[in-house]
Amino acid sequence: MSSMLVHIHTGPADANKATLGLLVALTAATEGHDVTVFLAGDGVHLLAPAYRELEGEGTGVVGEHLARHGAKGTRFLVSGKSAKARGYDEALLEGLNAEFAMPEKLVELAAASGTVLCY
């Protein structure tokens, strides 16, 4: 299967779009694609426990998507700059296959991926 990068920069203010990004990434992972999710901007909020109950209309619940991504081994990269600007530290990554990354990593992944989807 191919490699896919899903860049989610939409946060809780648009629950439909944010959860759609997680759902599409999960669908790709379930179908056997090598999926990396890069969260930036307000998208970093999606990993915070306070937003695990966030639900989109027909696009699922953040916490349920994250649990299923965990079972699939989906790799999450989180903009360190975006997280810091929103008051998050390493605790945001606990229990997830996640790490902080810089914009250069996003560019590198986009250039190397077979498919890039943005939400």
PDB file of N, CA and C in Angstrom:
ATOM      1  N   MET A   1       0.835  -1.187   0.000  1.00  0.00           N
ATOM      2  CA  MET A   1       0.000   0.000   0.000  1.00  0.00           C
ATOM      3  C   MET A   1       0.880   1.251   0.000  1.00  0.00           C
ATOM      4  N   SER A   2       0.247   2.371  -0.150  1.00  0.00           N
ATOM      5  CA  SER A   2       0.989   3.625  -0.256  1.00  0.00           C
ATOM      6  C   SER A   2       1.137   4.326   1.086  1.00  0.00           C
ATOM      7  N   SER A   3       1.983   5.338   1.076  1.00  0.00           N
ATOM      8  CA  SER A   3       2.138   6.169   2.271  1.00  0.00           C
ATOM      9  C   SER A   3       1.206   7.363   2.151  1.00  0.00           C
ATOM     10  N   MET A   4       0.593   7.720   3.291  1.00  0.00           N
ATOM     11  CA  MET A   4      -0.333   8.848   3.313  1.00  0.00           C
ATOM     12  C   MET A   4       0.010   9.752   4.478  1.00  0.00           C
ATOM     13  N   LEU A   5      -0.018  11.043   4.201  1.00  0.00           N
ATOM     14  CA  LEU A   5       0.142  12.056   5.228  1.00  0.00           C
ATOM     15  C   LEU A   5      -1.189  12.771   5.351  1.00  0.00           C
ATOM     16  N   VAL A   6      -1.723  12.815   6.564  1.00  0.00           N
ATOM     17  CA  VAL A   6      -2.957  13.552   6.820  1.00  0.00           C
ATOM     18  C   VAL A   6      -2.578  14.702   7.750  1.00  0.00           C
ATOM     19  N   HIS A   7      -2.699  15.905   7.228  1.00  0.00           N
ATOM     20  CA  HIS A   7      -2.338  17.125   7.972  1.00  0.00           C
ATOM     21  C   HIS A   7      -3.625  17.737   8.506  1.00  0.00           C
ATOM     22  N   ILE A   8      -3.785  17.730   9.830  1.00  0.00           N
ATOM     23  CA  ILE A   8      -4.981  18.292  10.447  1.00  0.00           C
ATOM     24  C   ILE A   8      -4.584  19.566  11.185  1.00  0.00           C
ATOM     25  N   HIS A   9      -5.107  20.689  10.702  1.00  0.00           N
ATOM     26  CA  HIS A   9      -4.825  21.973  11.334  1.00  0.00           C
ATOM     27  C   HIS A   9      -6.097  22.609  11.871  1.00  0.00           C
ATOM     28  N   THR A  10      -7.222  21.903  11.707  1.00  0.00           N
ATOM     29  CA  THR A  10      -8.511  22.371  12.203  1.00  0.00           C
ATOM     30  C   THR A  10      -8.721  21.836  13.609  1.00  0.00           C
ATOM     31  N   GLY A  11      -9.232  22.682  14.477  1.00  0.00           N
ATOM     32  CA  GLY A  11      -9.437  22.292  15.859  1.00  0.00           C
ATOM     33  C   GLY A  11     -10.888  22.145  16.238  1.00  0.00           C
ATOM     34  N   PRO A  12     -11.158  22.174  17.534  1.00  0.00           N
ATOM     35  CA  PRO A  12     -12.499  21.945  18.068  1.00  0.00           C
ATOM     36  C   PRO A  12     -13.571  22.913  17.576  1.00  0.00           C
ATOM     37  N   ALA A  13     -13.208  24.067  17.092  1.00  0.00           N
ATOM     38  CA  ALA A  13     -14.204  25.023  16.604  1.00  0.00           C
ATOM     39  C   ALA A  13     -14.960  24.486  15.388  1.00  0.00           C
ATOM     40  N   ASP A  14     -14.365  23.553  14.664  1.00  0.00           N
ATOM     41  CA  ASP A  14     -15.025  22.917  13.522  1.00  0.00           C
ATOM     42  C   ASP A  14     -14.932  21.403  13.726  1.00  0.00           C
ATOM     43  N   ALA A  15     -15.789  20.903  14.607  1.00  0.00           N
ATOM     44  CA  ALA A  15     -15.743  19.487  14.989  1.00  0.00           C
ATOM     45  C   ALA A  15     -15.906  18.557  13.795  1.00  0.00           C
ATOM     46  N   ASN A  16     -16.743  18.943  12.837  1.00  0.00           N
ATOM     47  CA  ASN A  16     -16.957  18.075  11.676  1.00  0.00           C
ATOM     48  C   ASN A  16     -15.677  17.882  10.868  1.00  0.00           C
ATOM     49  N   LYS A  17     -15.004  18.963  10.583  1.00  0.00           N
ATOM     50  CA  LYS A  17     -13.787  18.891   9.767  1.00  0.00           C
ATOM     51  C   LYS A  17     -12.654  18.203  10.530  1.00  0.00           C
ATOM     52  N   ALA A  18     -12.510  18.514  11.810  1.00  0.00           N
ATOM     53  CA  ALA A  18     -11.437  17.925  12.611  1.00  0.00           C
ATOM     54  C   ALA A  18     -11.612  16.411  12.746  1.00  0.00           C
ATOM     55  N   THR A  19     -12.831  15.977  13.060  1.00  0.00           N
ATOM     56  CA  THR A  19     -13.054  14.536  13.208  1.00  0.00           C
ATOM     57  C   THR A  19     -13.037  13.825  11.863  1.00  0.00           C
ATOM     58  N   LEU A  20     -13.410  14.525  10.803  1.00  0.00           N
ATOM     59  CA  LEU A  20     -13.329  13.925   9.470  1.00  0.00           C
ATOM     60  C   LEU A  20     -11.881  13.584   9.133  1.00  0.00           C
ATOM     61  N   GLY A  21     -10.952  14.474   9.461  1.00  0.00           N
ATOM     62  CA  GLY A  21      -9.542  14.192   9.220  1.00  0.00           C
ATOM     63  C   GLY A  21      -9.084  12.940   9.943  1.00  0.00           C
ATOM     64  N   LEU A  22      -9.486  12.796  11.209  1.00  0.00           N
ATOM     65  CA  LEU A  22      -9.120  11.598  11.977  1.00  0.00           C
ATOM     66  C   LEU A  22      -9.775  10.347  11.399  1.00  0.00           C
ATOM     67  N   LEU A  23     -11.026  10.484  10.952  1.00  0.00           N
ATOM     68  CA  LEU A  23     -11.744   9.347  10.377  1.00  0.00           C
ATOM     69  C   LEU A  23     -11.109   8.898   9.062  1.00  0.00           C
ATOM     70  N   VAL A  24     -10.765   9.829   8.202  1.00  0.00           N
ATOM     71  CA  VAL A  24     -10.149   9.470   6.925  1.00  0.00           C
ATOM     72  C   VAL A  24      -8.785   8.812   7.162  1.00  0.00           C
ATOM     73  N   ALA A  25      -8.018   9.350   8.090  1.00  0.00           N
ATOM     74  CA  ALA A  25      -6.724   8.739   8.425  1.00  0.00           C
ATOM     75  C   ALA A  25      -6.915   7.323   8.955  1.00  0.00           C
ATOM     76  N   LEU A  26      -7.925   7.135   9.796  1.00  0.00           N
ATOM     77  CA  LEU A  26      -8.210   5.812  10.336  1.00  0.00           C
ATOM     78  C   LEU A  26      -8.646   4.849   9.236  1.00  0.00           C
ATOM     79  N   THR A  27      -9.461   5.316   8.327  1.00  0.00           N
ATOM     80  CA  THR A  27      -9.899   4.481   7.206  1.00  0.00           C
ATOM     81  C   THR A  27      -8.703   4.037   6.376  1.00  0.00           C
ATOM     82  N   ALA A  28      -7.792   4.956   6.101  1.00  0.00           N
ATOM     83  CA  ALA A  28      -6.587   4.611   5.337  1.00  0.00           C
ATOM     84  C   ALA A  28      -5.736   3.586   6.075  1.00  0.00           C
ATOM     85  N   ALA A  29      -5.563   3.777   7.386  1.00  0.00           N
ATOM     86  CA  ALA A  29      -4.777   2.830   8.181  1.00  0.00           C
ATOM     87  C   ALA A  29      -5.439   1.456   8.197  1.00  0.00           C
ATOM     88  N   THR A  30      -6.754   1.433   8.308  1.00  0.00           N
ATOM     89  CA  THR A  30      -7.499   0.171   8.313  1.00  0.00           C
ATOM     90  C   THR A  30      -7.349  -0.559   6.985  1.00  0.00           C
ATOM     91  N   GLU A  31      -7.239   0.200   5.918  1.00  0.00           N
ATOM     92  CA  GLU A  31      -7.067  -0.401   4.591  1.00  0.00           C
ATOM     93  C   GLU A  31      -5.621  -0.800   4.306  1.00  0.00           C
ATOM     94  N   GLY A  32      -4.740  -0.587   5.273  1.00  0.00           N
ATOM     95  CA  GLY A  32      -3.367  -1.049   5.139  1.00  0.00           C
ATOM     96  C   GLY A  32      -2.353  -0.027   4.673  1.00  0.00           C
ATOM     97  N   HIS A  33      -2.754   1.219   4.516  1.00  0.00           N
ATOM     98  CA  HIS A  33      -1.811   2.260   4.109  1.00  0.00           C
ATOM     99  C   HIS A  33      -0.916   2.640   5.294  1.00  0.00           C
ATOM    100  N   ASP A  34       0.254   3.111   4.982  1.00  0.00           N
ATOM    101  CA  ASP A  34       1.185   3.621   5.991  1.00  0.00           C
ATOM    102  C   ASP A  34       0.804   5.076   6.245  1.00  0.00           C
ATOM    103  N   VAL A  35       0.160   5.348   7.385  1.00  0.00           N
ATOM    104  CA  VAL A  35      -0.417   6.657   7.652  1.00  0.00           C
ATOM    105  C   VAL A  35       0.354   7.395   8.745  1.00  0.00           C
ATOM    106  N   THR A  36       0.644   8.656   8.463  1.00  0.00           N
ATOM    107  CA  THR A  36       1.171   9.575   9.459  1.00  0.00           C
ATOM    108  C   THR A  36       0.207  10.742   9.546  1.00  0.00           C
ATOM    109  N   VAL A  37      -0.150  11.120  10.771  1.00  0.00           N
ATOM    110  CA  VAL A  37      -1.011  12.280  10.991  1.00  0.00           C
ATOM    111  C   VAL A  37      -0.148  13.380  11.589  1.00  0.00           C
ATOM    112  N   PHE A  38      -0.162  14.546  10.958  1.00  0.00           N
ATOM    113  CA  PHE A  38       0.569  15.711  11.464  1.00  0.00           C
ATOM    114  C   PHE A  38      -0.469  16.719  11.941  1.00  0.00           C
ATOM    115  N   LEU A  39      -0.441  17.011  13.236  1.00  0.00           N
ATOM    116  CA  LEU A  39      -1.358  17.979  13.833  1.00  0.00           C
ATOM    117  C   LEU A  39      -0.642  19.298  14.037  1.00  0.00           C
ATOM    118  N   ALA A  40      -1.248  20.366  13.551  1.00  0.00           N
ATOM    119  CA  ALA A  40      -0.663  21.698  13.696  1.00  0.00           C
ATOM    120  C   ALA A  40      -1.781  22.700  13.948  1.00  0.00           C
ATOM    121  N   GLY A  41      -1.417  23.915  14.288  1.00  0.00           N
ATOM    122  CA  GLY A  41      -2.414  24.941  14.566  1.00  0.00           C
ATOM    123  C   GLY A  41      -3.361  24.468  15.648  1.00  0.00           C
ATOM    124  N   ASP A  42      -4.642  24.784  15.478  1.00  0.00           N
ATOM    125  CA  ASP A  42      -5.635  24.376  16.473  1.00  0.00           C
ATOM    126  C   ASP A  42      -5.875  22.867  16.483  1.00  0.00           C
ATOM    127  N   GLY A  43      -5.361  22.167  15.499  1.00  0.00           N
ATOM    128  CA  GLY A  43      -5.479  20.710  15.466  1.00  0.00           C
ATOM    129  C   GLY A  43      -4.801  20.026  16.640  1.00  0.00           C
ATOM    130  N   VAL A  44      -3.810  20.684  17.255  1.00  0.00           N
ATOM    131  CA  VAL A  44      -3.131  20.063  18.396  1.00  0.00           C
ATOM    132  C   VAL A  44      -4.087  19.851  19.566  1.00  0.00           C
ATOM    133  N   HIS A  45      -5.145  20.645  19.655  1.00  0.00           N
ATOM    134  CA  HIS A  45      -6.128  20.484  20.729  1.00  0.00           C
ATOM    135  C   HIS A  45      -6.762  19.094  20.714  1.00  0.00           C
ATOM    136  N   LEU A  46      -6.814  18.447  19.565  1.00  0.00           N
ATOM    137  CA  LEU A  46      -7.492  17.160  19.447  1.00  0.00           C
ATOM    138  C   LEU A  46      -6.864  16.076  20.315  1.00  0.00           C
ATOM    139  N   LEU A  47      -5.618  16.236  20.702  1.00  0.00           N
ATOM    140  CA  LEU A  47      -4.974  15.250  21.570  1.00  0.00           C
ATOM    141  C   LEU A  47      -5.208  15.514  23.048  1.00  0.00           C
ATOM    142  N   ALA A  48      -5.710  16.673  23.392  1.00  0.00           N
ATOM    143  CA  ALA A  48      -5.923  17.035  24.792  1.00  0.00           C
ATOM    144  C   ALA A  48      -7.127  16.286  25.358  1.00  0.00           C
ATOM    145  N   PRO A  49      -6.999  15.752  26.566  1.00  0.00           N
ATOM    146  CA  PRO A  49      -8.119  15.032  27.186  1.00  0.00           C
ATOM    147  C   PRO A  49      -9.425  15.831  27.212  1.00  0.00           C
ATOM    148  N   ALA A  50      -9.347  17.129  27.316  1.00  0.00           N
ATOM    149  CA  ALA A  50     -10.552  17.962  27.383  1.00  0.00           C
ATOM    150  C   ALA A  50     -11.392  17.870  26.108  1.00  0.00           C
ATOM    151  N   TYR A  51     -10.800  17.420  25.017  1.00  0.00           N
ATOM    152  CA  TYR A  51     -11.512  17.362  23.737  1.00  0.00           C
ATOM    153  C   TYR A  51     -11.791  15.942  23.258  1.00  0.00           C
ATOM    154  N   ARG A  52     -11.551  14.947  24.087  1.00  0.00           N
ATOM    155  CA  ARG A  52     -11.756  13.552  23.676  1.00  0.00           C
ATOM    156  C   ARG A  52     -13.218  13.235  23.372  1.00  0.00           C
ATOM    157  N   GLU A  53     -14.154  13.987  23.941  1.00  0.00           N
ATOM    158  CA  GLU A  53     -15.586  13.756  23.708  1.00  0.00           C
ATOM    159  C   GLU A  53     -16.122  14.553  22.515  1.00  0.00           C
ATOM    160  N   LEU A  54     -15.279  15.340  21.891  1.00  0.00           N
ATOM    161  CA  LEU A  54     -15.698  16.143  20.743  1.00  0.00           C
ATOM    162  C   LEU A  54     -16.207  15.219  19.644  1.00  0.00           C
ATOM    163  N   GLU A  55     -17.390  15.540  19.123  1.00  0.00           N
ATOM    164  CA  GLU A  55     -18.016  14.680  18.126  1.00  0.00           C
ATOM    165  C   GLU A  55     -18.461  15.491  16.918  1.00  0.00           C
ATOM    166  N   GLY A  56     -18.147  14.978  15.754  1.00  0.00           N
ATOM    167  CA  GLY A  56     -18.619  15.581  14.519  1.00  0.00           C
ATOM    168  C   GLY A  56     -19.931  14.946  14.100  1.00  0.00           C
ATOM    169  N   GLU A  57     -20.638  15.581  13.203  1.00  0.00           N
ATOM    170  CA  GLU A  57     -21.911  15.050  12.704  1.00  0.00           C
ATOM    171  C   GLU A  57     -21.634  13.963  11.667  1.00  0.00           C
ATOM    172  N   GLY A  58     -21.743  12.725  12.097  1.00  0.00           N
ATOM    173  CA  GLY A  58     -21.496  11.597  11.202  1.00  0.00           C
ATOM    174  C   GLY A  58     -20.026  11.287  10.986  1.00  0.00           C
ATOM    175  N   THR A  59     -19.148  11.985  11.688  1.00  0.00           N
ATOM    176  CA  THR A  59     -17.701  11.777  11.491  1.00  0.00           C
ATOM    177  C   THR A  59     -17.010  11.236  12.734  1.00  0.00           C
ATOM    178  N   GLY A  60     -17.763  10.932  13.778  1.00  0.00           N
ATOM    179  CA  GLY A  60     -17.213  10.247  14.933  1.00  0.00           C
ATOM    180  C   GLY A  60     -16.762  11.127  16.075  1.00  0.00           C
ATOM    181  N   VAL A  61     -16.205  10.452  17.085  1.00  0.00           N
ATOM    182  CA  VAL A  61     -15.764  11.071  18.337  1.00  0.00           C
ATOM    183  C   VAL A  61     -14.240  11.013  18.399  1.00  0.00           C
ATOM    184  N   VAL A  62     -13.625  12.112  18.768  1.00  0.00           N
ATOM    185  CA  VAL A  62     -12.163  12.208  18.807  1.00  0.00           C
ATOM    186  C   VAL A  62     -11.548  11.068  19.620  1.00  0.00           C
ATOM    187  N   GLY A  63     -11.994  10.861  20.847  1.00  0.00           N
ATOM    188  CA  GLY A  63     -11.408   9.831  21.711  1.00  0.00           C
ATOM    189  C   GLY A  63     -11.501   8.432  21.126  1.00  0.00           C
ATOM    190  N   GLU A  64     -12.632   8.135  20.493  1.00  0.00           N
ATOM    191  CA  GLU A  64     -12.792   6.819  19.865  1.00  0.00           C
ATOM    192  C   GLU A  64     -11.849   6.666  18.679  1.00  0.00           C
ATOM    193  N   HIS A  65     -11.710   7.720  17.886  1.00  0.00           N
ATOM    194  CA  HIS A  65     -10.767   7.672  16.763  1.00  0.00           C
ATOM    195  C   HIS A  65      -9.342   7.468  17.265  1.00  0.00           C
ATOM    196  N   LEU A  66      -8.959   8.209  18.307  1.00  0.00           N
ATOM    197  CA  LEU A  66      -7.596   8.086  18.827  1.00  0.00           C
ATOM    198  C   LEU A  66      -7.326   6.682  19.353  1.00  0.00           C
ATOM    199  N   ALA A  67      -8.296   6.077  20.025  1.00  0.00           N
ATOM    200  CA  ALA A  67      -8.128   4.707  20.523  1.00  0.00           C
ATOM    201  C   ALA A  67      -7.936   3.731  19.371  1.00  0.00           C
ATOM    202  N   ARG A  68      -8.714   3.893  18.323  1.00  0.00           N
ATOM    203  CA  ARG A  68      -8.586   3.002  17.176  1.00  0.00           C
ATOM    204  C   ARG A  68      -7.274   3.241  16.428  1.00  0.00           C
ATOM    205  N   HIS A  69      -6.845   4.494  16.371  1.00  0.00           N
ATOM    206  CA  HIS A  69      -5.533   4.783  15.766  1.00  0.00           C
ATOM    207  C   HIS A  69      -4.431   4.111  16.580  1.00  0.00           C
ATOM    208  N   GLY A  70      -4.572   4.141  17.901  1.00  0.00           N
ATOM    209  CA  GLY A  70      -3.581   3.493  18.760  1.00  0.00           C
ATOM    210  C   GLY A  70      -3.464   2.010  18.466  1.00  0.00           C
ATOM    211  N   ALA A  71      -4.601   1.362  18.260  1.00  0.00           N
ATOM    212  CA  ALA A  71      -4.606  -0.060  17.938  1.00  0.00           C
ATOM    213  C   ALA A  71      -3.975  -0.334  16.581  1.00  0.00           C
ATOM    214  N   LYS A  72      -4.058   0.630  15.670  1.00  0.00           N
ATOM    215  CA  LYS A  72      -3.475   0.480  14.327  1.00  0.00           C
ATOM    216  C   LYS A  72      -2.004   0.888  14.289  1.00  0.00           C
ATOM    217  N   GLY A  73      -1.531   1.552  15.339  1.00  0.00           N
ATOM    218  CA  GLY A  73      -0.142   2.008  15.358  1.00  0.00           C
ATOM    219  C   GLY A  73       0.103   3.261  14.546  1.00  0.00           C
ATOM    220  N   THR A  74      -0.942   4.040  14.296  1.00  0.00           N
ATOM    221  CA  THR A  74      -0.791   5.276  13.540  1.00  0.00           C
ATOM    222  C   THR A  74       0.209   6.198  14.236  1.00  0.00           C
ATOM    223  N   ARG A  75       1.079   6.785  13.464  1.00  0.00           N
ATOM    224  CA  ARG A  75       2.080   7.716  13.985  1.00  0.00           C
ATOM    225  C   ARG A  75       1.514   9.129  13.934  1.00  0.00           C
ATOM    226  N   PHE A  76       1.588   9.818  15.070  1.00  0.00           N
ATOM    227  CA  PHE A  76       1.151  11.211  15.153  1.00  0.00           C
ATOM    228  C   PHE A  76       2.362  12.111  15.367  1.00  0.00           C
ATOM    229  N   LEU A  77       2.480  13.112  14.551  1.00  0.00           N
ATOM    230  CA  LEU A  77       3.473  14.158  14.752  1.00  0.00           C
ATOM    231  C   LEU A  77       2.706  15.421  15.098  1.00  0.00           C
ATOM    232  N   VAL A  78       3.209  16.152  16.066  1.00  0.00           N
ATOM    233  CA  VAL A  78       2.510  17.319  16.592  1.00  0.00           C
ATOM    234  C   VAL A  78       3.442  18.519  16.497  1.00  0.00           C
ATOM    235  N   SER A  79       2.944  19.579  15.917  1.00  0.00           N
ATOM    236  CA  SER A  79       3.753  20.797  15.839  1.00  0.00           C
ATOM    237  C   SER A  79       4.110  21.267  17.234  1.00  0.00           C
ATOM    238  N   GLY A  80       5.392  21.262  17.528  1.00  0.00           N
ATOM    239  CA  GLY A  80       5.855  21.726  18.828  1.00  0.00           C
ATOM    240  C   GLY A  80       5.556  23.197  19.042  1.00  0.00           C
ATOM    241  N   LYS A  81       5.682  23.975  17.976  1.00  0.00           N
ATOM    242  CA  LYS A  81       5.401  25.413  18.075  1.00  0.00           C
ATOM    243  C   LYS A  81       3.922  25.668  18.340  1.00  0.00           C
ATOM    244  N   SER A  82       3.055  24.953  17.641  1.00  0.00           N
ATOM    245  CA  SER A  82       1.617  25.122  17.845  1.00  0.00           C
ATOM    246  C   SER A  82       1.208  24.690  19.245  1.00  0.00           C
ATOM    247  N   ALA A  83       1.775  23.577  19.699  1.00  0.00           N
ATOM    248  CA  ALA A  83       1.438  23.080  21.041  1.00  0.00           C
ATOM    249  C   ALA A  83       1.885  24.071  22.112  1.00  0.00           C
ATOM    250  N   LYS A  84       3.104  24.547  21.998  1.00  0.00           N
ATOM    251  CA  LYS A  84       3.626  25.487  22.988  1.00  0.00           C
ATOM    252  C   LYS A  84       2.798  26.773  23.013  1.00  0.00           C
ATOM    253  N   ALA A  85       2.430  27.280  21.849  1.00  0.00           N
ATOM    254  CA  ALA A  85       1.647  28.514  21.762  1.00  0.00           C
ATOM    255  C   ALA A  85       0.270  28.358  22.403  1.00  0.00           C
ATOM    256  N   ARG A  86      -0.211  27.100  22.506  1.00  0.00           N
ATOM    257  CA  ARG A  86      -1.523  26.841  23.082  1.00  0.00           C
ATOM    258  C   ARG A  86      -1.435  26.287  24.496  1.00  0.00           C
ATOM    259  N   GLY A  87      -0.233  26.325  25.079  1.00  0.00           N
ATOM    260  CA  GLY A  87      -0.049  25.954  26.481  1.00  0.00           C
ATOM    261  C   GLY A  87       0.164  24.484  26.762  1.00  0.00           C
ATOM    262  N   TYR A  88       0.484  23.700  25.740  1.00  0.00           N
ATOM    263  CA  TYR A  88       0.704  22.268  25.948  1.00  0.00           C
ATOM    264  C   TYR A  88       2.188  21.953  26.065  1.00  0.00           C
ATOM    265  N   ASP A  89       2.477  20.880  26.806  1.00  0.00           N
ATOM    266  CA  ASP A  89       3.840  20.367  26.910  1.00  0.00           C
ATOM    267  C   ASP A  89       3.821  18.873  26.582  1.00  0.00           C
ATOM    268  N   GLU A  90       4.850  18.132  26.985  1.00  0.00           N
ATOM    269  CA  GLU A  90       4.979  16.717  26.660  1.00  0.00           C
ATOM    270  C   GLU A  90       3.814  15.873  27.159  1.00  0.00           C
ATOM    271  N   ALA A  91       3.110  16.346  28.174  1.00  0.00           N
ATOM    272  CA  ALA A  91       1.970  15.596  28.702  1.00  0.00           C
ATOM    273  C   ALA A  91       0.903  15.375  27.624  1.00  0.00           C
ATOM    274  N   LEU A  92       0.838  16.240  26.644  1.00  0.00           N
ATOM    275  CA  LEU A  92      -0.126  16.113  25.552  1.00  0.00           C
ATOM    276  C   LEU A  92       0.068  14.808  24.787  1.00  0.00           C
ATOM    277  N   LEU A  93       1.277  14.297  24.749  1.00  0.00           N
ATOM    278  CA  LEU A  93       1.619  13.130  23.948  1.00  0.00           C
ATOM    279  C   LEU A  93       1.471  11.807  24.687  1.00  0.00           C
ATOM    280  N   GLU A  94       1.232  11.868  25.994  1.00  0.00           N
ATOM    281  CA  GLU A  94       1.202  10.653  26.810  1.00  0.00           C
ATOM    282  C   GLU A  94       0.150   9.657  26.337  1.00  0.00           C
ATOM    283  N   GLY A  95       0.574   8.400  26.254  1.00  0.00           N
ATOM    284  CA  GLY A  95      -0.327   7.320  25.883  1.00  0.00           C
ATOM    285  C   GLY A  95      -0.599   7.213  24.390  1.00  0.00           C
ATOM    286  N   LEU A  96       0.064   8.032  23.605  1.00  0.00           N
ATOM    287  CA  LEU A  96      -0.146   8.016  22.160  1.00  0.00           C
ATOM    288  C   LEU A  96       1.164   7.735  21.443  1.00  0.00           C
ATOM    289  N   ASN A  97       1.082   7.226  20.241  1.00  0.00           N
ATOM    290  CA  ASN A  97       2.265   7.059  19.394  1.00  0.00           C
ATOM    291  C   ASN A  97       2.511   8.420  18.745  1.00  0.00           C
ATOM    292  N   ALA A  98       3.015   9.358  19.561  1.00  0.00           N
ATOM    293  CA  ALA A  98       3.126  10.748  19.115  1.00  0.00           C
ATOM    294  C   ALA A  98       4.429  11.369  19.574  1.00  0.00           C
ATOM    295  N   GLU A  99       4.870  12.343  18.784  1.00  0.00           N
ATOM    296  CA  GLU A  99       6.062  13.107  19.139  1.00  0.00           C
ATOM    297  C   GLU A  99       5.951  14.500  18.542  1.00  0.00           C
ATOM    298  N   PHE A 100       6.707  15.413  19.109  1.00  0.00           N
ATOM    299  CA  PHE A 100       6.719  16.769  18.573  1.00  0.00           C
ATOM    300  C   PHE A 100       7.605  16.820  17.337  1.00  0.00           C
ATOM    301  N   ALA A 101       7.237  17.695  16.422  1.00  0.00           N
ATOM    302  CA  ALA A 101       8.006  17.863  15.190  1.00  0.00           C
ATOM    303  C   ALA A 101       7.934  19.329  14.772  1.00  0.00           C
ATOM    304  N   MET A 102       8.855  19.703  13.945  1.00  0.00           N
ATOM    305  CA  MET A 102       8.942  21.073  13.449  1.00  0.00           C
ATOM    306  C   MET A 102       8.405  21.137  12.016  1.00  0.00           C
ATOM    307  N   PRO A 103       8.180  22.342  11.494  1.00  0.00           N
ATOM    308  CA  PRO A 103       7.647  22.480  10.131  1.00  0.00           C
ATOM    309  C   PRO A 103       8.481  21.768   9.068  1.00  0.00           C
ATOM    310  N   GLU A 104       9.778  21.703   9.273  1.00  0.00           N
ATOM    311  CA  GLU A 104      10.639  21.017   8.303  1.00  0.00           C
ATOM    312  C   GLU A 104      10.225  19.557   8.124  1.00  0.00           C
ATOM    313  N   LYS A 105       9.784  18.921   9.207  1.00  0.00           N
ATOM    314  CA  LYS A 105       9.351  17.523   9.135  1.00  0.00           C
ATOM    315  C   LYS A 105       8.076  17.401   8.304  1.00  0.00           C
ATOM    316  N   LEU A 106       7.170  18.348   8.463  1.00  0.00           N
ATOM    317  CA  LEU A 106       5.940  18.351   7.661  1.00  0.00           C
ATOM    318  C   LEU A 106       6.281  18.443   6.173  1.00  0.00           C
ATOM    319  N   VAL A 107       7.197  19.323   5.831  1.00  0.00           N
ATOM    320  CA  VAL A 107       7.611  19.484   4.433  1.00  0.00           C
ATOM    321  C   VAL A 107       8.266  18.201   3.928  1.00  0.00           C
ATOM    322  N   GLU A 108       9.127  17.614   4.738  1.00  0.00           N
ATOM    323  CA  GLU A 108       9.798  16.371   4.359  1.00  0.00           C
ATOM    324  C   GLU A 108       8.785  15.254   4.110  1.00  0.00           C
ATOM    325  N   LEU A 109       7.824  15.100   5.009  1.00  0.00           N
ATOM    326  CA  LEU A 109       6.817  14.058   4.862  1.00  0.00           C
ATOM    327  C   LEU A 109       5.925  14.300   3.643  1.00  0.00           C
ATOM    328  N   ALA A 110       5.557  15.547   3.427  1.00  0.00           N
ATOM    329  CA  ALA A 110       4.714  15.873   2.276  1.00  0.00           C
ATOM    330  C   ALA A 110       5.427  15.522   0.968  1.00  0.00           C
ATOM    331  N   ALA A 111       6.710  15.830   0.901  1.00  0.00           N
ATOM    332  CA  ALA A 111       7.486  15.549  -0.315  1.00  0.00           C
ATOM    333  C   ALA A 111       7.637  14.056  -0.556  1.00  0.00           C
ATOM    334  N   ALA A 112       7.680  13.271   0.524  1.00  0.00           N
ATOM    335  CA  ALA A 112       7.929  11.844   0.395  1.00  0.00           C
ATOM    336  C   ALA A 112       6.653  11.005   0.314  1.00  0.00           C
ATOM    337  N   SER A 113       5.526  11.557   0.678  1.00  0.00           N
ATOM    338  CA  SER A 113       4.279  10.796   0.734  1.00  0.00           C
ATOM    339  C   SER A 113       3.653  10.622  -0.638  1.00  0.00           C
ATOM    340  N   GLY A 114       3.005   9.491  -0.806  1.00  0.00           N
ATOM    341  CA  GLY A 114       2.269   9.248  -2.051  1.00  0.00           C
ATOM    342  C   GLY A 114       1.018  10.107  -2.128  1.00  0.00           C
ATOM    343  N   THR A 115       0.422  10.390  -0.975  1.00  0.00           N
ATOM    344  CA  THR A 115      -0.807  11.170  -0.907  1.00  0.00           C
ATOM    345  C   THR A 115      -0.752  12.079   0.314  1.00  0.00           C
ATOM    346  N   VAL A 116      -1.174  13.329   0.147  1.00  0.00           N
ATOM    347  CA  VAL A 116      -1.277  14.286   1.256  1.00  0.00           C
ATOM    348  C   VAL A 116      -2.707  14.801   1.289  1.00  0.00           C
ATOM    349  N   LEU A 117      -3.348  14.666   2.435  1.00  0.00           N
ATOM    350  CA  LEU A 117      -4.704  15.167   2.647  1.00  0.00           C
ATOM    351  C   LEU A 117      -4.662  16.186   3.772  1.00  0.00           C
ATOM    352  N   CYS A 118      -5.397  17.275   3.623  1.00  0.00           N
ATOM    353  CA  CYS A 118      -5.380  18.334   4.636  1.00  0.00           C
ATOM    354  C   CYS A 118      -6.795  18.624   5.119  1.00  0.00           C
ATOM    355  N   TYR A 119      -6.907  18.755   6.415  1.00  0.00           N
ATOM    356  CA  TYR A 119      -8.203  19.056   7.054  1.00  0.00           C
ATOM    357  C   TYR A 119      -8.025  20.172   8.052  1.00  0.00           C
TER     358      TYR A 119
END
